[in-house]
């Protein structure tokens, strides 16, 4: 018994390399299969794009307290270097020490020992130089 709403189409020209070649599926069935294959392809393409995005996106948080401390510390470090170069050594050293303290905080928040150690060593060296200059 044949359903009058569905007509079996077997005389359509189908690409011979298609997995549906020689099939006696309804037109709706073929379309459903093609849509299913297209959905799988698009899903895979989306996953590949997501992977590429994850590799490119920054790994540091943005808009958090440590993000602000990081950028203020970077600006203070640059200002400190320029102040020292402009013969305003005392103010440059103070700016650089404050910068190092900020970087130590950021290193603690991120759990990054390299940032903490590098900043602590730099702050200690500048502080020793500052103490020698003041005494």
N, C-alpha and C. Protein backbone atom coordinates (compact mmCIF):
# COMPACT_ATOMS: atom_id res chain seq x y z
N UNK A 1 0.85 -1.17 0.00
CA UNK A 1 0.00 0.00 0.00
C UNK A 1 0.90 1.23 0.00
N UNK A 2 0.67 2.12 -0.92
CA UNK A 2 1.52 3.29 -1.11
C UNK A 2 0.84 4.52 -0.53
N UNK A 3 1.59 5.30 0.24
CA UNK A 3 1.07 6.53 0.80
C UNK A 3 0.99 7.57 -0.30
N UNK A 4 -0.14 8.26 -0.40
CA UNK A 4 -0.34 9.22 -1.48
C UNK A 4 0.45 10.51 -1.26
N UNK A 5 0.90 10.77 -0.02
CA UNK A 5 1.64 11.99 0.27
C UNK A 5 3.11 11.88 -0.11
N UNK A 6 3.61 10.67 -0.22
CA UNK A 6 5.01 10.46 -0.56
C UNK A 6 5.10 9.70 -1.86
N UNK A 7 5.92 10.20 -2.73
CA UNK A 7 6.09 9.53 -4.01
C UNK A 7 7.53 9.04 -4.08
N UNK A 8 7.73 7.79 -4.36
CA UNK A 8 9.07 7.23 -4.47
C UNK A 8 9.64 7.64 -5.81
N UNK A 9 10.80 8.25 -5.75
CA UNK A 9 11.42 8.74 -6.97
C UNK A 9 12.68 7.94 -7.20
N UNK A 10 12.72 7.23 -8.28
CA UNK A 10 13.90 6.44 -8.58
C UNK A 10 14.49 6.78 -9.92
N UNK A 11 13.83 7.67 -10.66
CA UNK A 11 14.34 8.00 -11.98
C UNK A 11 15.08 9.34 -12.00
N UNK A 12 15.35 9.93 -10.81
CA UNK A 12 16.11 11.18 -10.77
C UNK A 12 17.57 10.92 -11.02
N UNK A 13 18.24 11.94 -11.57
CA UNK A 13 19.67 11.82 -11.81
C UNK A 13 20.40 12.22 -10.52
N UNK A 14 21.17 11.31 -9.99
CA UNK A 14 21.93 11.54 -8.77
C UNK A 14 23.39 11.35 -9.10
N UNK A 15 24.20 12.16 -8.47
CA UNK A 15 25.64 12.04 -8.66
C UNK A 15 26.05 10.61 -8.32
N UNK A 16 26.73 9.92 -9.26
CA UNK A 16 27.09 8.51 -9.02
C UNK A 16 28.01 8.31 -7.82
N UNK A 17 28.75 9.36 -7.42
CA UNK A 17 29.64 9.22 -6.26
C UNK A 17 28.90 9.43 -4.95
N UNK A 18 27.65 9.85 -5.02
CA UNK A 18 26.86 10.10 -3.83
C UNK A 18 26.51 8.79 -3.15
N UNK A 19 26.46 8.78 -1.83
CA UNK A 19 26.06 7.56 -1.13
C UNK A 19 24.59 7.22 -1.37
N UNK A 20 23.84 8.15 -1.95
CA UNK A 20 22.43 7.92 -2.21
C UNK A 20 22.17 7.40 -3.62
N UNK A 21 23.23 7.20 -4.41
CA UNK A 21 23.08 6.73 -5.78
C UNK A 21 22.40 5.37 -5.79
N UNK A 22 21.43 5.20 -6.66
CA UNK A 22 20.73 3.93 -6.78
C UNK A 22 19.68 3.73 -5.71
N UNK A 23 19.44 4.73 -4.88
CA UNK A 23 18.49 4.62 -3.79
C UNK A 23 17.07 4.87 -4.30
N UNK A 24 16.12 4.27 -3.64
CA UNK A 24 14.72 4.51 -3.98
C UNK A 24 14.05 5.30 -2.87
N UNK A 25 14.81 6.23 -2.24
CA UNK A 25 14.28 7.06 -1.17
C UNK A 25 13.35 8.13 -1.73
N UNK A 26 12.53 8.65 -0.86
CA UNK A 26 11.69 9.76 -1.27
C UNK A 26 12.56 11.00 -1.39
N UNK A 27 12.04 11.98 -2.05
CA UNK A 27 12.78 13.24 -2.21
C UNK A 27 13.02 13.87 -0.83
N UNK A 28 12.03 13.80 0.04
CA UNK A 28 12.17 14.34 1.39
C UNK A 28 13.24 13.58 2.17
N UNK A 29 13.30 12.28 1.98
CA UNK A 29 14.31 11.48 2.67
C UNK A 29 15.70 11.84 2.21
N UNK A 30 15.86 12.03 0.92
CA UNK A 30 17.18 12.44 0.39
C UNK A 30 17.58 13.79 0.92
N UNK A 31 16.62 14.71 0.93
CA UNK A 31 16.90 16.04 1.43
C UNK A 31 17.29 15.99 2.91
N UNK A 32 16.60 15.15 3.67
CA UNK A 32 16.92 14.99 5.10
C UNK A 32 18.33 14.44 5.27
N UNK A 33 18.71 13.49 4.45
CA UNK A 33 20.06 12.92 4.53
C UNK A 33 21.11 13.98 4.17
N UNK A 34 20.84 14.74 3.10
CA UNK A 34 21.79 15.79 2.70
C UNK A 34 21.92 16.84 3.79
N UNK A 35 20.79 17.23 4.39
CA UNK A 35 20.83 18.20 5.48
C UNK A 35 21.59 17.67 6.68
N UNK A 36 21.43 16.40 6.95
CA UNK A 36 22.15 15.78 8.06
C UNK A 36 23.66 15.82 7.81
N UNK A 37 24.06 15.49 6.59
CA UNK A 37 25.49 15.53 6.25
C UNK A 37 26.02 16.96 6.32
N UNK A 38 25.23 17.92 5.84
CA UNK A 38 25.66 19.32 5.87
C UNK A 38 25.77 19.81 7.31
N UNK A 39 24.84 19.41 8.16
CA UNK A 39 24.88 19.79 9.57
C UNK A 39 26.15 19.26 10.23
N UNK A 40 26.51 18.01 9.94
CA UNK A 40 27.73 17.43 10.51
C UNK A 40 28.96 18.18 10.02
N UNK A 41 28.98 18.53 8.72
CA UNK A 41 30.11 19.26 8.17
C UNK A 41 30.24 20.64 8.80
N UNK A 42 29.12 21.34 8.94
CA UNK A 42 29.14 22.67 9.56
C UNK A 42 29.55 22.60 11.03
N UNK A 43 29.09 21.57 11.73
CA UNK A 43 29.45 21.40 13.13
C UNK A 43 30.96 21.19 13.28
N UNK A 44 31.52 20.37 12.40
CA UNK A 44 32.96 20.12 12.42
C UNK A 44 33.73 21.41 12.09
N UNK A 45 33.24 22.16 11.12
CA UNK A 45 33.89 23.42 10.75
C UNK A 45 33.84 24.41 11.91
N UNK A 46 32.71 24.47 12.61
CA UNK A 46 32.57 25.34 13.77
C UNK A 46 33.55 24.94 14.87
N UNK A 47 33.70 23.65 15.10
CA UNK A 47 34.65 23.18 16.12
C UNK A 47 36.08 23.56 15.75
N UNK A 48 36.42 23.47 14.47
CA UNK A 48 37.77 23.86 14.02
C UNK A 48 37.98 25.35 14.23
N UNK A 49 36.97 26.16 13.89
CA UNK A 49 37.08 27.61 14.09
C UNK A 49 37.19 27.95 15.58
N UNK A 50 36.44 27.25 16.43
CA UNK A 50 36.52 27.48 17.87
C UNK A 50 37.91 27.15 18.38
N UNK A 51 38.50 26.07 17.89
CA UNK A 51 39.86 25.69 18.29
C UNK A 51 40.86 26.77 17.87
N UNK A 52 40.71 27.29 16.64
CA UNK A 52 41.60 28.36 16.19
C UNK A 52 41.44 29.59 17.06
N UNK A 53 40.20 29.94 17.41
CA UNK A 53 39.95 31.11 18.25
C UNK A 53 40.58 30.92 19.63
N UNK A 54 40.43 29.73 20.20
CA UNK A 54 40.99 29.46 21.52
C UNK A 54 42.51 29.58 21.51
N UNK A 55 43.15 29.24 20.39
CA UNK A 55 44.60 29.35 20.29
C UNK A 55 45.04 30.80 20.17
N UNK A 56 44.20 31.65 19.60
CA UNK A 56 44.55 33.04 19.34
C UNK A 56 44.18 33.97 20.48
N UNK A 57 43.07 33.72 21.15
CA UNK A 57 42.58 34.65 22.16
C UNK A 57 43.58 34.80 23.31
N UNK A 58 43.61 35.97 23.92
CA UNK A 58 44.54 36.19 25.03
C UNK A 58 44.20 35.28 26.21
N UNK A 59 45.24 34.84 26.90
CA UNK A 59 45.00 33.94 28.03
C UNK A 59 44.91 34.69 29.35
N UNK A 60 45.28 35.96 29.35
CA UNK A 60 45.19 36.73 30.59
C UNK A 60 43.78 37.29 30.72
N UNK A 61 43.29 37.37 31.94
CA UNK A 61 41.94 37.91 32.15
C UNK A 61 41.91 39.40 31.84
N UNK A 62 40.75 39.91 31.45
CA UNK A 62 40.61 41.34 31.19
C UNK A 62 39.51 41.91 32.07
N UNK A 63 39.71 43.15 32.51
CA UNK A 63 38.71 43.82 33.32
C UNK A 63 38.70 43.45 34.78
N UNK A 64 39.63 42.63 35.22
CA UNK A 64 39.69 42.25 36.63
C UNK A 64 40.70 43.15 37.34
N UNK A 65 40.75 43.05 38.67
CA UNK A 65 41.65 43.88 39.44
C UNK A 65 43.11 43.64 39.04
N UNK A 66 43.50 42.38 38.86
CA UNK A 66 44.88 42.10 38.48
C UNK A 66 45.21 42.63 37.08
N UNK A 67 44.23 42.71 36.21
CA UNK A 67 44.44 43.29 34.87
C UNK A 67 44.79 44.76 34.99
N UNK A 68 44.05 45.49 35.85
CA UNK A 68 44.35 46.91 36.05
C UNK A 68 45.70 47.11 36.72
N UNK A 69 45.99 46.29 37.72
CA UNK A 69 47.29 46.39 38.40
C UNK A 69 48.41 46.12 37.41
N UNK A 70 48.23 45.15 36.53
CA UNK A 70 49.24 44.82 35.52
C UNK A 70 49.55 46.04 34.66
N UNK A 71 48.50 46.69 34.14
CA UNK A 71 48.73 47.81 33.24
C UNK A 71 49.26 49.05 33.96
N UNK A 72 48.80 49.33 35.17
CA UNK A 72 49.34 50.45 35.94
C UNK A 72 50.80 50.17 36.27
N UNK A 73 51.12 48.94 36.61
CA UNK A 73 52.51 48.58 36.92
C UNK A 73 53.40 48.72 35.70
N UNK A 74 52.88 48.33 34.55
CA UNK A 74 53.66 48.48 33.32
C UNK A 74 53.94 49.95 33.04
N UNK A 75 52.91 50.80 33.21
CA UNK A 75 53.09 52.24 32.97
C UNK A 75 54.08 52.84 33.97
N UNK A 76 53.99 52.42 35.24
CA UNK A 76 54.93 52.91 36.25
C UNK A 76 56.36 52.47 35.94
N UNK A 77 56.53 51.26 35.45
CA UNK A 77 57.88 50.78 35.10
C UNK A 77 58.46 51.62 33.97
N UNK A 78 57.67 51.88 32.95
CA UNK A 78 58.14 52.70 31.83
C UNK A 78 58.42 54.12 32.31
N UNK A 79 57.52 54.68 33.12
CA UNK A 79 57.74 56.02 33.66
C UNK A 79 59.01 56.05 34.51
N UNK A 80 59.21 55.01 35.31
CA UNK A 80 60.41 54.96 36.15
C UNK A 80 61.68 54.95 35.33
N UNK A 81 61.69 54.20 34.26
CA UNK A 81 62.87 54.15 33.39
C UNK A 81 63.13 55.50 32.75
N UNK A 82 62.06 56.15 32.27
CA UNK A 82 62.24 57.48 31.66
C UNK A 82 62.67 58.52 32.68
N UNK A 83 62.13 58.44 33.90
CA UNK A 83 62.53 59.39 34.94
C UNK A 83 64.00 59.20 35.31
N UNK A 84 64.43 57.97 35.42
CA UNK A 84 65.85 57.71 35.71
C UNK A 84 66.72 58.23 34.57
N UNK A 85 66.28 58.03 33.33
CA UNK A 85 67.04 58.53 32.18
C UNK A 85 67.07 60.05 32.12
N UNK A 86 66.04 60.69 32.69
CA UNK A 86 65.97 62.16 32.70
C UNK A 86 66.65 62.75 33.93
N UNK A 87 67.46 61.95 34.61
CA UNK A 87 68.20 62.37 35.81
C UNK A 87 67.29 62.68 36.99
N UNK A 88 66.08 62.19 37.00
CA UNK A 88 65.20 62.28 38.17
C UNK A 88 65.21 60.91 38.83
N UNK A 89 66.39 60.52 39.27
CA UNK A 89 66.65 59.17 39.74
C UNK A 89 65.75 58.76 40.90
N UNK A 90 65.60 59.63 41.90
CA UNK A 90 64.81 59.29 43.08
C UNK A 90 63.37 58.94 42.68
N UNK A 91 62.74 59.80 41.90
CA UNK A 91 61.35 59.55 41.50
C UNK A 91 61.23 58.34 40.58
N UNK A 92 62.22 58.15 39.74
CA UNK A 92 62.22 56.99 38.86
C UNK A 92 62.33 55.69 39.64
N UNK A 93 63.17 55.69 40.65
CA UNK A 93 63.34 54.49 41.47
C UNK A 93 62.07 54.19 42.27
N UNK A 94 61.43 55.22 42.80
CA UNK A 94 60.18 55.03 43.54
C UNK A 94 59.11 54.45 42.61
N UNK A 95 58.98 55.03 41.41
CA UNK A 95 57.99 54.53 40.45
C UNK A 95 58.28 53.08 40.09
N UNK A 96 59.55 52.75 39.90
CA UNK A 96 59.90 51.39 39.52
C UNK A 96 59.66 50.40 40.65
N UNK A 97 59.94 50.79 41.88
CA UNK A 97 59.68 49.90 43.03
C UNK A 97 58.18 49.64 43.18
N UNK A 98 57.37 50.70 43.04
CA UNK A 98 55.91 50.52 43.11
C UNK A 98 55.45 49.59 41.99
N UNK A 99 56.04 49.76 40.80
CA UNK A 99 55.73 48.89 39.68
C UNK A 99 56.05 47.43 40.01
N UNK A 100 57.21 47.20 40.59
CA UNK A 100 57.61 45.83 40.95
C UNK A 100 56.66 45.22 41.97
N UNK A 101 56.23 46.03 42.93
CA UNK A 101 55.27 45.53 43.93
C UNK A 101 53.96 45.13 43.24
N UNK A 102 53.54 45.95 42.28
CA UNK A 102 52.33 45.61 41.51
C UNK A 102 52.51 44.31 40.74
N UNK A 103 53.68 44.13 40.14
CA UNK A 103 53.93 42.90 39.38
C UNK A 103 54.01 41.68 40.30
N UNK A 104 54.52 41.87 41.50
CA UNK A 104 54.53 40.75 42.47
C UNK A 104 53.09 40.35 42.79
N UNK A 105 52.22 41.35 42.99
CA UNK A 105 50.80 41.07 43.24
C UNK A 105 50.19 40.29 42.06
N UNK A 106 50.46 40.75 40.84
CA UNK A 106 49.92 40.09 39.65
C UNK A 106 50.44 38.65 39.57
N UNK A 107 51.72 38.45 39.83
CA UNK A 107 52.29 37.11 39.82
C UNK A 107 51.63 36.20 40.85
N UNK A 108 51.30 36.76 42.02
CA UNK A 108 50.63 35.98 43.04
C UNK A 108 49.21 35.60 42.59
N UNK A 109 48.51 36.54 41.96
CA UNK A 109 47.15 36.27 41.50
C UNK A 109 47.14 35.22 40.40
N UNK A 110 48.12 35.24 39.54
CA UNK A 110 48.19 34.31 38.41
C UNK A 110 48.90 33.01 38.76
N UNK A 111 49.54 32.97 39.93
CA UNK A 111 50.30 31.78 40.30
C UNK A 111 51.54 31.62 39.43
N UNK A 112 52.12 32.75 39.02
CA UNK A 112 53.28 32.74 38.12
C UNK A 112 54.53 33.12 38.92
N UNK A 113 55.31 32.14 39.26
CA UNK A 113 56.50 32.38 40.08
C UNK A 113 57.55 33.20 39.34
N UNK A 114 57.65 33.04 38.04
CA UNK A 114 58.65 33.77 37.26
C UNK A 114 58.41 35.28 37.37
N UNK A 115 57.16 35.70 37.28
CA UNK A 115 56.84 37.12 37.42
C UNK A 115 57.17 37.60 38.83
N UNK A 116 56.81 36.79 39.82
CA UNK A 116 57.08 37.19 41.21
C UNK A 116 58.57 37.30 41.49
N UNK A 117 59.35 36.31 41.08
CA UNK A 117 60.79 36.31 41.35
C UNK A 117 61.48 37.44 40.60
N UNK A 118 61.15 37.59 39.32
CA UNK A 118 61.78 38.66 38.53
C UNK A 118 61.48 40.03 39.10
N UNK A 119 60.25 40.25 39.53
CA UNK A 119 59.88 41.54 40.10
C UNK A 119 60.51 41.75 41.47
N UNK A 120 60.57 40.70 42.27
CA UNK A 120 61.18 40.83 43.61
C UNK A 120 62.67 41.14 43.51
N UNK A 121 63.35 40.49 42.58
CA UNK A 121 64.79 40.76 42.40
C UNK A 121 65.00 42.18 41.91
N UNK A 122 64.18 42.63 40.95
CA UNK A 122 64.31 44.00 40.44
C UNK A 122 64.02 45.02 41.54
N UNK A 123 62.97 44.80 42.31
CA UNK A 123 62.63 45.73 43.40
C UNK A 123 63.73 45.78 44.44
N UNK A 124 64.30 44.63 44.76
CA UNK A 124 65.39 44.58 45.75
C UNK A 124 66.61 45.35 45.25
N UNK A 125 66.96 45.15 43.98
CA UNK A 125 68.13 45.84 43.42
C UNK A 125 67.92 47.35 43.42
N UNK A 126 66.76 47.80 43.01
CA UNK A 126 66.47 49.24 42.98
C UNK A 126 66.41 49.79 44.40
N UNK A 127 65.81 49.05 45.33
CA UNK A 127 65.72 49.51 46.72
C UNK A 127 67.11 49.63 47.34
N UNK A 128 68.01 48.66 47.05
CA UNK A 128 69.38 48.75 47.59
C UNK A 128 70.09 49.98 47.03
N UNK A 129 69.91 50.27 45.76
CA UNK A 129 70.51 51.44 45.16
C UNK A 129 69.92 52.72 45.77
N UNK A 130 68.62 52.73 46.02
CA UNK A 130 67.96 53.88 46.61
C UNK A 130 68.47 54.12 48.03
N UNK A 131 68.61 53.06 48.83
CA UNK A 131 69.11 53.18 50.20
C UNK A 131 70.55 53.71 50.19
N UNK A 132 71.38 53.20 49.30
CA UNK A 132 72.76 53.68 49.20
C UNK A 132 72.81 55.16 48.84
N UNK A 133 71.91 55.60 47.98
CA UNK A 133 71.89 57.01 47.57
C UNK A 133 71.41 57.91 48.70
N UNK A 134 70.52 57.40 49.53
CA UNK A 134 69.97 58.22 50.61
C UNK A 134 70.87 58.26 51.84
N UNK A 135 71.77 57.34 51.98
CA UNK A 135 72.65 57.32 53.17
C UNK A 135 73.96 57.96 52.91
